Amino acid sequence: MAITAILIGNVATVRSLERQLAILPQPPVLLGCVLHAADVGQRVVRGIPVLGALDELELVCAGLHPSMAIVSLPSVMQELIAGVRTRLRKLGVADRFMATLEDQLAGVGPRTEIDIDLATLVGRPPRELDEASIARVIRGRTVVVTGAGGSIGSELCRIAARFEPDRLVMIDRSENALFEIDRQIARKFPKLRRHAALHDVVDATATKELFAAVRPDVVFHAAAHKHVPMSEDHPGAAIDNNMFGTISTADAAVSAGAERFVMVSTDKAVNPTSVMGMTKRLAELYVQHVHRHGQSRRDRKTACSMVRFGNVLGSSGSVLDTWKRQIADGGPVTVTDPRMTRYFMTIPEAAALVIQAAALHDSASADGEVFVLDMGEPFRVVELAARFIAAHGLVPEFPSRSERGGVPVAPGTMQVVFSGTRPGEKLFEELALDRESIRPTRHADIRIWGLPAPDPHAVTQCLHELSPERRPRDAASLAELIRRHVPELRQQNAAEVIARAA
């Protein structure tokens, strides 16, 4: 069945669109065009009938039922473009945006998706930074960020650059991601000394050599695998990147005499049920261990700490990315379980917490500490989905329990379906095991969770048994071995054995 389309723009952009579409081997069938009010005197544009002005868009769509609307207006009309696209989505008409040729040549134009204020989405005002304390840690220092091309890592780079470090070293094994953050920093901070290192931190020898060369003062370790289902299928990759990558980076930081090392962790490390959460928990244990026992070649102890936070909205591969693509494809939007709750925060909040933690921790602490953002109550994922759909100008539609998808969706609505939890997923996440062990910091929104000190013998045994040359190769056996080294899970297993014996 042929795709039918209407064009939305002014006379000049409609002419340009018609010429571009005519080149396609199978162009859509053009029903006509809807013009900006200033151009409505026209009856025909390059043989395409003028159907009316923008204020008649609903009537035009109701009469012709186009499959698609192609919008092309100058970038200076950004608010108008966003409004037109929202109206089309309410009508159930797929919308596509094409920047004008002039805007493409100038490298400007509105985003092709609807901009959504993520802070409004979670219903929480942005957290404030203690800029004076951060400046004392960053200004004039050499700052290293691993995973610099990722969502958190790149934001860490942008924040750190604002506080005038002497040098910013960005490390990532993804060439494209590293190139992009290096380009951004160069453009926004042209006077800042910087170095983009295409490097995999899992390589311990090369990491130690790199750190010895750059001599970091502050290290933010954000490199990690973060997707729960992928880690379930590939536990070897998860343990290599999340645990051994952390070990490599922490050891290199201590060896180079860094003043501070901050590891980015996750709420999934609390009572972990997933391979991803377990590998991050084991990484935390090593950071504690090296904080207690690591020595610096400059006779300066490295202050090692960890930062835990919940799901980061807007990060690459996050749930909003999935929902955005699903809405663009006409739905449905998938939620795993209507009961599922999560702690959510924005990318700037998460990165700010990591930066702030570096300013709050010092080497005098006996243990490597876990910093936790006071995130309030967990958020129902299904409620977040409803808000996200509404932000796109649509009404969420929840099928009854007897319906299993494929239910006709009325124009202006978006169906939500429940797909079921995936392997390793919890219905509810935690940020700390015991609220009684939480204590305040100098920052009103940040708490410290006092973790018990790890057993050095257990840490050594864990590294030995999980090393690539000794561990089992099949995923199930390796996942079980990882589980046996997580202290909280060992305690659970012991309690279950005692209960069965009783």
Protein backbone atom coordinates (compact mmCIF):
# COMPACT_ATOMS: atom_id res chain seq x y z
CA MET A 1 0.00 0.00 0.00
CA ALA A 2 1.45 3.38 -1.04
CA ILE A 3 2.39 5.91 1.61
CA THR A 4 0.38 9.10 1.35
CA ALA A 5 1.80 12.35 2.64
CA ILE A 6 1.12 16.03 3.04
CA LEU A 7 3.88 18.65 3.05
CA ILE A 8 3.89 21.39 5.69
CA GLY A 9 5.98 24.53 5.23
CA ASN A 10 6.14 27.73 3.19
CA VAL A 11 6.27 28.08 -0.60
CA ALA A 12 10.07 27.87 -0.75
CA THR A 13 10.41 24.82 1.50
CA VAL A 14 7.56 22.96 -0.22
CA ARG A 15 9.22 23.54 -3.60
CA SER A 16 12.51 22.20 -2.22
CA LEU A 17 10.80 19.18 -0.63
CA GLU A 18 9.02 18.28 -3.86
CA ARG A 19 12.29 18.30 -5.80
CA GLN A 20 14.06 16.13 -3.18
CA LEU A 21 11.21 13.61 -2.94
CA ALA A 22 11.03 13.29 -6.71
CA ILE A 23 14.54 11.81 -6.68
CA LEU A 24 13.44 8.82 -4.56
CA PRO A 25 12.77 5.55 -6.41
CA GLN A 26 9.48 5.16 -4.50
CA PRO A 27 8.38 8.60 -3.28
CA PRO A 28 5.23 8.96 -1.16
CA VAL A 29 2.00 9.96 -2.89
CA LEU A 30 1.68 13.71 -2.23
CA LEU A 31 -1.90 14.67 -1.35
CA GLY A 32 -1.10 18.37 -1.12
CA CYS A 33 0.54 20.93 1.13
CA VAL A 34 -0.40 23.01 4.17
CA LEU A 35 1.26 26.41 4.16
CA HIS A 36 2.29 28.94 6.76
CA ALA A 37 -0.36 31.69 6.89
CA ALA A 38 1.81 34.21 5.03
CA ASP A 39 1.84 32.01 1.90
CA VAL A 40 -1.79 30.93 1.71
CA GLY A 41 -2.52 33.10 -1.35
CA GLN A 42 -0.99 30.34 -3.45
CA ARG A 43 -3.31 27.70 -4.96
CA VAL A 44 -0.64 25.33 -6.30
CA VAL A 45 3.09 24.90 -5.56
CA ARG A 46 4.99 22.98 -8.29
CA GLY A 47 1.82 21.12 -9.17
CA ILE A 48 0.98 20.29 -5.54
CA PRO A 49 -2.43 21.63 -4.44
CA VAL A 50 -2.52 23.94 -1.42
CA LEU A 51 -4.91 22.36 1.10
CA GLY A 52 -5.07 25.27 3.50
CA ALA A 53 -3.23 27.15 6.25
CA LEU A 54 -1.70 25.74 9.43
CA ASP A 55 -4.77 26.64 11.49
CA GLU A 56 -6.75 24.26 9.22
CA LEU A 57 -4.38 21.31 9.79
CA GLU A 58 -6.88 19.25 11.81
CA LEU A 59 -9.57 19.64 9.12
CA VAL A 60 -7.14 18.69 6.36
CA CYS A 61 -6.00 15.53 8.16
CA ALA A 62 -9.56 14.53 9.04
CA GLY A 63 -10.59 14.77 5.40
CA LEU A 64 -7.58 13.13 3.71
CA HIS A 65 -6.20 10.72 6.38
CA PRO A 66 -2.55 11.01 5.28
CA SER A 67 -0.08 8.32 6.38
CA MET A 68 2.58 10.91 7.04
CA ALA A 69 3.23 14.64 7.27
CA ILE A 70 6.63 16.06 6.27
CA VAL A 71 7.40 19.32 8.04
CA SER A 72 9.99 21.80 6.74
CA LEU A 73 10.17 25.31 8.15
CA PRO A 74 13.12 27.62 8.99
CA SER A 75 14.85 27.00 12.33
CA VAL A 76 13.85 30.46 13.62
CA MET A 77 10.29 29.07 13.82
CA GLN A 78 11.30 26.42 16.39
CA GLU A 79 8.26 26.94 18.64
CA LEU A 80 5.92 26.78 15.66
CA ILE A 81 7.59 23.57 14.43
CA ALA A 82 7.25 21.92 17.87
CA GLY A 83 3.60 22.94 18.04
CA VAL A 84 2.82 21.55 14.58
CA ARG A 85 4.49 18.23 15.38
CA THR A 86 2.58 17.91 18.65
CA ARG A 87 -0.71 18.55 16.81
CA LEU A 88 0.16 15.86 14.25
CA ARG A 89 0.89 13.30 16.97
CA LYS A 90 -2.44 14.06 18.62
CA LEU A 91 -4.05 13.38 15.25
CA GLY A 92 -2.26 10.06 14.96
CA VAL A 93 -0.33 11.19 11.86
CA ALA A 94 3.33 10.16 11.66
CA ASP A 95 5.49 13.27 11.46
CA ARG A 96 8.90 13.71 9.86
CA PHE A 97 11.00 16.86 10.04
CA MET A 98 13.41 17.99 7.32
CA ALA A 99 15.62 21.02 7.94
CA THR A 100 15.63 23.60 5.19
CA LEU A 101 18.61 23.57 2.83
CA GLU A 102 19.74 26.94 4.20
CA ASP A 103 19.69 25.62 7.77
CA GLN A 104 21.53 22.45 6.77
CA LEU A 105 24.31 24.50 5.13
CA ALA A 106 24.50 26.79 8.18
CA GLY A 107 24.56 23.79 10.54
CA VAL A 108 21.60 25.06 12.54
CA GLY A 109 18.06 23.93 13.15
CA PRO A 110 15.68 22.62 15.80
CA ARG A 111 16.05 19.16 17.27
CA THR A 112 14.19 16.53 15.32
CA GLU A 113 12.50 15.24 18.45
CA ILE A 114 10.41 17.04 21.04
CA ASP A 115 12.54 18.53 23.82
CA ILE A 116 11.38 17.39 27.24
CA ASP A 117 12.41 18.93 30.56
CA LEU A 118 13.61 15.84 32.43
CA ALA A 119 13.57 17.59 35.80
CA THR A 120 9.86 18.27 35.28
CA LEU A 121 9.36 14.68 34.20
CA VAL A 122 10.61 13.36 37.56
CA GLY A 123 8.90 16.17 39.47
CA ARG A 124 12.00 17.24 41.38
CA PRO A 125 13.94 20.53 41.17
CA PRO A 126 17.61 20.32 40.09
CA ARG A 127 20.15 19.75 42.87
CA GLU A 128 22.49 22.58 43.77
CA LEU A 129 26.27 22.27 43.51
CA ASP A 130 28.60 23.48 46.24
CA GLU A 131 30.75 25.22 43.66
CA ALA A 132 33.32 26.56 46.11
CA SER A 133 34.26 23.10 47.41
CA ILE A 134 34.34 21.64 43.89
CA ALA A 135 36.62 24.44 42.70
CA ARG A 136 39.08 23.62 45.50
CA VAL A 137 39.33 20.04 44.20
CA ILE A 138 39.38 20.73 40.43
CA ARG A 139 40.95 24.11 39.77
CA GLY A 140 44.56 23.89 38.65
CA ARG A 141 44.61 20.06 38.87
CA THR A 142 45.02 17.28 36.33
CA VAL A 143 41.62 15.56 36.06
CA VAL A 144 41.13 12.14 34.44
CA VAL A 145 37.72 10.83 33.36
CA THR A 146 37.34 7.23 32.19
CA GLY A 147 34.33 6.34 30.06
CA ALA A 148 34.55 9.97 28.94
CA GLY A 149 32.41 9.41 25.86
CA GLY A 150 29.45 7.97 27.78
CA SER A 151 26.45 9.86 29.11
CA ILE A 152 27.83 10.33 32.64
CA GLY A 153 31.48 10.55 31.60
CA SER A 154 30.88 13.27 29.03
CA GLU A 155 28.87 15.33 31.52
CA LEU A 156 31.68 14.90 34.06
CA CYS A 157 34.07 16.31 31.45
CA ARG A 158 31.81 19.29 30.79
CA ILE A 159 31.37 20.08 34.49
CA ALA A 160 35.05 19.60 35.33
CA ALA A 161 36.06 21.87 32.42
CA ARG A 162 33.98 24.70 33.91
CA PHE A 163 36.11 24.67 37.07
CA GLU A 164 39.37 25.43 35.24
CA PRO A 165 41.50 22.32 35.70
CA ASP A 166 45.11 22.56 34.62
CA ARG A 167 44.52 19.60 32.28
CA LEU A 168 41.60 17.35 31.39
CA VAL A 169 42.41 13.79 30.28
CA MET A 170 39.47 11.98 28.63
CA ILE A 171 39.72 8.20 28.28
CA ASP A 172 37.39 5.96 26.29
CA ARG A 173 37.69 2.87 24.10
CA SER A 174 34.96 4.07 21.71
CA GLU A 175 36.59 6.16 18.98
CA ASN A 176 33.42 7.99 17.93
CA ALA A 177 32.30 8.78 21.48
CA LEU A 178 35.76 10.05 22.43
CA PHE A 179 36.03 12.16 19.29
CA GLU A 180 32.66 13.80 20.02
CA ILE A 181 33.38 14.80 23.64
CA ASP A 182 36.85 16.01 22.67
CA ARG A 183 35.26 18.16 19.95
CA GLN A 184 32.72 19.60 22.41
CA ILE A 185 35.34 20.47 25.02
CA ALA A 186 37.63 22.03 22.42
CA ARG A 187 34.80 24.24 21.15
CA LYS A 188 33.47 25.36 24.55
CA PHE A 189 36.81 25.59 26.38
CA PRO A 190 39.42 26.41 23.71
CA LYS A 191 42.10 27.46 26.23
CA LEU A 192 41.86 24.29 28.35
CA ARG A 193 44.73 21.84 28.03
CA ARG A 194 43.21 18.49 27.20
CA HIS A 195 44.15 15.02 26.03
CA ALA A 196 41.84 12.43 24.43
CA ALA A 197 43.21 8.94 25.06
CA LEU A 198 41.73 6.10 22.98
CA HIS A 199 42.30 3.39 25.56
CA ASP A 200 40.64 0.40 27.27
CA VAL A 201 41.12 0.57 31.04
CA VAL A 202 40.83 -3.23 31.30
CA ASP A 203 44.43 -3.32 30.04
CA ALA A 204 46.12 -2.91 33.44
CA THR A 205 49.69 -2.47 32.22
CA ALA A 206 48.80 0.17 29.62
CA THR A 207 46.53 1.97 32.12
CA LYS A 208 49.35 2.20 34.67
CA GLU A 209 51.70 3.54 31.99
CA LEU A 210 49.12 6.12 30.87
CA PHE A 211 48.51 7.33 34.44
CA ALA A 212 52.24 7.49 35.12
CA ALA A 213 52.58 9.77 32.09
CA VAL A 214 49.67 12.12 32.82
CA ARG A 215 50.09 12.08 36.67
CA PRO A 216 46.43 12.67 37.61
CA ASP A 217 45.36 14.49 40.76
CA VAL A 218 41.68 13.51 40.51
CA VAL A 219 40.26 10.43 38.77
CA PHE A 220 36.58 9.91 37.94
CA HIS A 221 36.01 6.30 36.90
CA ALA A 222 32.82 6.07 34.83
CA ALA A 223 33.79 3.31 32.38
CA ALA A 224 31.46 0.31 32.79
CA HIS A 225 28.93 -2.01 31.21
CA LYS A 226 25.50 -0.92 32.45
CA HIS A 227 22.83 -2.94 30.64
CA VAL A 228 21.37 -5.69 32.84
CA PRO A 229 20.19 -8.13 30.11
CA MET A 230 23.46 -7.86 28.17
CA SER A 231 25.49 -8.61 31.30
CA GLU A 232 23.31 -11.65 32.01
CA ASP A 233 24.20 -13.02 28.57
CA HIS A 234 27.86 -11.99 28.75
CA PRO A 235 29.03 -12.24 32.39
CA GLY A 236 32.68 -12.51 31.34
CA ALA A 237 32.55 -9.12 29.61
CA ALA A 238 30.76 -7.63 32.65
CA ILE A 239 33.33 -8.91 35.14
CA ASP A 240 36.22 -7.78 32.93
CA ASN A 241 34.92 -4.26 32.39
CA ASN A 242 33.11 -3.55 35.65
CA MET A 243 35.44 -5.26 38.15
CA PHE A 244 38.83 -5.69 36.49
CA GLY A 245 38.50 -2.33 34.71
CA THR A 246 37.92 -0.71 38.12
CA ILE A 247 40.84 -2.62 39.65
CA SER A 248 43.13 -1.51 36.80
CA THR A 249 42.07 2.15 37.12
CA ALA A 250 42.20 2.29 40.93
CA ASP A 251 45.62 0.62 41.05
CA ALA A 252 46.94 3.01 38.40
CA ALA A 253 45.54 6.02 40.30
CA VAL A 254 47.19 4.92 43.54
CA SER A 255 50.46 4.08 41.79
CA ALA A 256 50.54 7.51 40.12
CA GLY A 257 49.90 9.24 43.46
CA ALA A 258 46.46 10.61 42.64
CA GLU A 259 44.87 12.60 45.42
CA ARG A 260 41.31 11.35 44.80
CA PHE A 261 39.66 8.44 43.02
CA VAL A 262 35.86 8.30 42.64
CA MET A 263 34.10 5.25 41.19
CA VAL A 264 30.66 5.60 39.61
CA SER A 265 28.46 2.80 41.00
CA THR A 266 24.75 1.97 40.94
CA ASP A 267 21.76 1.14 43.13
CA LYS A 268 21.82 -2.28 41.47
CA ALA A 269 24.86 -3.09 43.64
CA VAL A 270 22.60 -3.23 46.72
CA ASN A 271 21.45 -6.81 47.39
CA PRO A 272 22.31 -7.50 43.74
CA THR A 273 20.27 -9.98 41.75
CA SER A 274 21.83 -9.26 38.35
CA VAL A 275 25.31 -9.95 37.02
CA MET A 276 25.70 -6.24 36.36
CA GLY A 277 24.84 -5.39 39.98
CA MET A 278 27.09 -8.14 41.35
CA THR A 279 30.09 -7.04 39.30
CA LYS A 280 29.63 -3.44 40.42
CA ARG A 281 29.38 -4.62 44.05
CA LEU A 282 32.64 -6.53 43.70
CA ALA A 283 34.21 -3.42 42.19
CA GLU A 284 33.04 -1.43 45.23
CA LEU A 285 34.70 -3.96 47.54
CA TYR A 286 37.99 -3.53 45.73
CA VAL A 287 37.80 0.27 45.93
CA GLN A 288 37.32 -0.04 49.70
CA HIS A 289 40.19 -2.50 49.86
CA VAL A 290 42.60 -0.29 47.91
CA HIS A 291 41.59 2.75 49.99
CA ARG A 292 42.69 0.88 53.12
CA HIS A 293 45.76 -0.87 51.76
CA GLY A 294 46.90 1.00 48.64
CA GLN A 295 50.15 2.94 48.80
CA SER A 296 51.30 5.86 46.68
CA ARG A 297 54.72 6.24 45.17
CA ARG A 298 54.56 9.88 46.23
CA ASP A 299 53.82 8.85 49.83
CA ARG A 300 50.39 10.43 49.52
CA LYS A 301 47.39 8.26 50.25
CA THR A 302 44.72 8.25 47.56
CA ALA A 303 41.22 8.99 48.88
CA CYS A 304 39.04 6.35 47.23
CA SER A 305 35.25 6.59 47.29
CA MET A 306 32.17 5.44 45.38
CA VAL A 307 28.96 7.14 44.28
CA ARG A 308 25.66 5.28 43.96
CA PHE A 309 22.64 6.57 42.14
CA GLY A 310 19.57 5.20 40.42
CA ASN A 311 18.57 5.11 36.78
CA VAL A 312 19.81 8.05 34.73
CA LEU A 313 17.17 9.59 32.48
CA GLY A 314 18.28 10.59 29.01
CA SER A 315 21.48 8.52 29.04
CA SER A 316 22.29 6.45 25.98
CA GLY A 317 20.29 3.24 26.03
CA SER A 318 18.06 4.45 28.87
CA VAL A 319 14.35 3.71 29.02
CA LEU A 320 13.53 7.12 27.52
CA ASP A 321 15.56 6.23 24.44
CA THR A 322 13.46 3.08 24.03
CA TRP A 323 10.17 4.89 24.59
CA LYS A 324 11.15 7.69 22.19
CA ARG A 325 11.76 5.19 19.39
CA GLN A 326 8.54 3.34 20.20
CA ILE A 327 6.49 6.55 20.05
CA ALA A 328 8.14 7.53 16.76
CA ASP A 329 7.20 4.11 15.36
CA GLY A 330 3.59 4.54 16.45
CA GLY A 331 3.81 2.40 19.60
CA PRO A 332 3.12 0.58 21.71
CA VAL A 333 5.25 1.81 24.63
CA THR A 334 6.51 -1.11 26.72
CA VAL A 335 6.79 -1.23 30.51
CA THR A 336 8.07 -4.44 32.08
CA ASP A 337 5.71 -4.58 35.09
CA PRO A 338 3.06 -2.17 36.44
CA ARG A 339 4.47 -2.62 39.98
CA MET A 340 8.07 -1.76 39.08
CA THR A 341 9.63 1.24 40.81
CA ARG A 342 12.98 2.93 40.28
CA TYR A 343 15.01 5.84 41.59
CA PHE A 344 15.48 8.29 38.72
CA MET A 345 17.79 11.23 38.21
CA THR A 346 18.96 13.35 35.31
CA ILE A 347 22.42 13.22 33.72
CA PRO A 348 23.47 16.61 35.20
CA GLU A 349 22.31 15.49 38.66
CA ALA A 350 24.25 12.22 38.44
CA ALA A 351 27.45 13.84 37.20
CA ALA A 352 27.16 16.65 39.74
CA LEU A 353 26.89 14.06 42.53
CA VAL A 354 30.08 12.36 41.35
CA ILE A 355 31.96 15.68 41.21
CA GLN A 356 30.59 16.71 44.59
CA ALA A 357 31.65 13.40 46.17
CA ALA A 358 35.26 14.10 45.22
CA ALA A 359 35.04 17.30 47.26
CA LEU A 360 33.42 15.61 50.27
CA HIS A 361 35.80 12.69 50.76
CA ASP A 362 39.38 12.70 52.02
CA SER A 363 42.07 10.16 52.77
CA ALA A 364 41.60 10.44 56.54
CA SER A 365 38.50 8.26 56.36
CA ALA A 366 39.17 4.70 57.46
CA ASP A 367 37.04 3.12 54.74
CA GLY A 368 36.24 3.88 51.16
CA GLU A 369 32.81 5.47 51.48
CA VAL A 370 29.67 5.20 49.37
CA PHE A 371 27.97 8.51 48.65
CA VAL A 372 24.23 8.37 47.99
CA LEU A 373 21.99 11.14 46.69
CA ASP A 374 18.89 11.80 48.77
CA MET A 375 16.50 10.99 45.92
CA GLY A 376 13.25 10.95 47.85
CA GLU A 377 10.77 8.18 47.15
CA PRO A 378 11.19 5.74 44.26
CA PHE A 379 9.15 6.46 41.15
CA ARG A 380 6.65 4.12 39.50
CA VAL A 381 7.96 3.34 36.03
CA VAL A 382 4.45 3.16 34.58
CA GLU A 383 3.76 6.68 35.87
CA LEU A 384 6.95 7.93 34.23
CA ALA A 385 5.82 6.34 30.96
CA ALA A 386 2.46 8.11 31.21
CA ARG A 387 4.17 11.47 31.79
CA PHE A 388 6.58 10.88 28.90
CA ILE A 389 3.73 10.03 26.54
CA ALA A 390 1.78 13.11 27.66
CA ALA A 391 4.85 15.28 27.03
CA HIS A 392 4.63 14.17 23.39
CA GLY A 393 1.07 15.49 23.17
CA LEU A 394 -0.51 12.01 23.41
CA VAL A 395 -2.85 10.31 25.88
CA PRO A 396 -1.57 7.03 27.38
CA GLU A 397 -3.92 4.09 26.90
CA PHE A 398 -3.60 1.13 29.28
CA PRO A 399 -5.20 -2.12 28.03
CA SER A 400 -7.19 -4.28 30.40
CA ARG A 401 -5.58 -7.44 31.79
CA SER A 402 -7.48 -9.56 29.27
CA GLU A 403 -5.94 -7.72 26.32
CA ARG A 404 -2.57 -8.86 25.00
CA GLY A 405 -1.67 -6.14 22.52
CA GLY A 406 -2.87 -5.43 19.03
CA VAL A 407 -5.78 -3.37 20.36
CA PRO A 408 -6.75 -0.57 17.95
CA VAL A 409 -5.46 2.78 19.20
CA ALA A 410 -7.53 5.93 18.73
CA PRO A 411 -5.87 9.00 17.17
CA GLY A 412 -4.00 11.04 19.77
CA THR A 413 -3.46 8.07 22.10
CA MET A 414 -0.48 5.80 22.72
CA GLN A 415 -0.92 2.24 23.93
CA VAL A 416 1.14 0.96 26.87
CA VAL A 417 1.77 -2.78 27.16
CA PHE A 418 3.41 -4.77 29.97
CA SER A 419 6.19 -6.99 28.61
CA GLY A 420 7.31 -8.79 31.80
CA THR A 421 10.53 -8.49 33.81
CA ARG A 422 13.80 -9.48 32.16
CA PRO A 423 16.47 -11.81 33.62
CA GLY A 424 18.26 -10.21 36.57
CA GLU A 425 15.74 -7.38 37.02
CA LYS A 426 14.22 -6.44 40.37
CA LEU A 427 10.79 -4.94 40.84
CA PHE A 428 12.21 -2.56 43.45
CA GLU A 429 15.69 -1.07 43.72
CA GLU A 430 17.46 0.10 46.90
CA LEU A 431 20.17 2.70 47.43
CA ALA A 432 21.41 1.31 50.76
CA LEU A 433 20.86 -1.80 52.83
CA ASP A 434 20.29 -0.21 56.22
CA ARG A 435 19.01 3.33 56.65
CA GLU A 436 20.44 3.39 60.17
CA SER A 437 23.94 3.29 58.69
CA ILE A 438 23.29 6.43 56.62
CA ARG A 439 24.87 9.63 57.91
CA PRO A 440 24.80 13.20 56.61
CA THR A 441 27.55 15.15 54.84
CA ARG A 442 28.26 18.84 54.47
CA HIS A 443 26.00 18.79 51.39
CA ALA A 444 22.29 18.77 52.23
CA ASP A 445 21.35 16.38 49.40
CA ILE A 446 24.14 13.81 49.82
CA ARG A 447 24.44 11.04 52.40
CA ILE A 448 27.19 8.55 53.26
CA TRP A 449 26.45 4.89 53.67
CA GLY A 450 29.05 3.26 55.94
CA LEU A 451 29.98 -0.06 54.32
CA PRO A 452 31.72 -2.68 56.46
CA ALA A 453 35.38 -3.19 55.62
CA PRO A 454 36.00 -6.04 53.16
CA ASP A 455 38.05 -9.07 54.17
CA PRO A 456 41.44 -8.74 52.40
CA HIS A 457 41.69 -12.55 52.03
CA ALA A 458 38.23 -12.67 50.41
CA VAL A 459 39.20 -9.90 47.99
CA THR A 460 42.39 -11.73 46.98
CA GLN A 461 40.51 -15.00 46.50
CA CYS A 462 37.85 -13.25 44.42
CA LEU A 463 40.46 -11.78 42.05
CA HIS A 464 42.16 -15.17 41.75
CA GLU A 465 39.03 -17.20 40.99
CA LEU A 466 37.45 -14.67 38.61
CA SER A 467 40.60 -14.01 36.58
CA PRO A 468 40.10 -14.76 32.86
CA GLU A 469 42.52 -17.70 32.88
CA ARG A 470 40.86 -19.49 35.81
CA ARG A 471 37.13 -18.81 35.69
CA PRO A 472 34.61 -21.07 33.89
CA ARG A 473 33.70 -20.17 30.33
CA ASP A 474 29.98 -20.96 30.29
CA ALA A 475 27.73 -18.10 31.37
CA ALA A 476 25.67 -19.97 33.99
CA SER A 477 28.69 -21.33 35.89
CA LEU A 478 30.45 -17.96 35.80
CA ALA A 479 27.35 -16.13 37.06
CA GLU A 480 27.11 -18.56 39.98
CA LEU A 481 30.81 -18.08 40.78
CA ILE A 482 30.37 -14.30 40.75
CA ARG A 483 27.41 -14.67 43.11
CA ARG A 484 29.47 -16.68 45.61
CA HIS A 485 31.90 -13.79 46.04
CA VAL A 486 29.31 -11.09 46.88
CA PRO A 487 29.25 -10.80 50.72
CA GLU A 488 25.53 -10.02 51.04
CA LEU A 489 24.64 -13.03 48.88
CA ARG A 490 26.98 -15.31 50.85
CA GLN A 491 25.18 -14.25 54.02
CA GLN A 492 21.81 -14.95 52.40
CA ASN A 493 22.97 -18.41 51.34
CA ALA A 494 24.26 -19.15 54.85
CA ALA A 495 20.97 -18.03 56.39
CA GLU A 496 19.04 -20.26 53.96
CA VAL A 497 21.22 -23.26 54.88
CA ILE A 498 20.64 -22.67 58.60
CA ALA A 499 16.89 -22.24 58.04
CA ARG A 500 16.68 -25.51 56.11
CA ALA A 501 18.66 -27.34 58.81
CA ALA A 502 16.35 -26.03 61.51
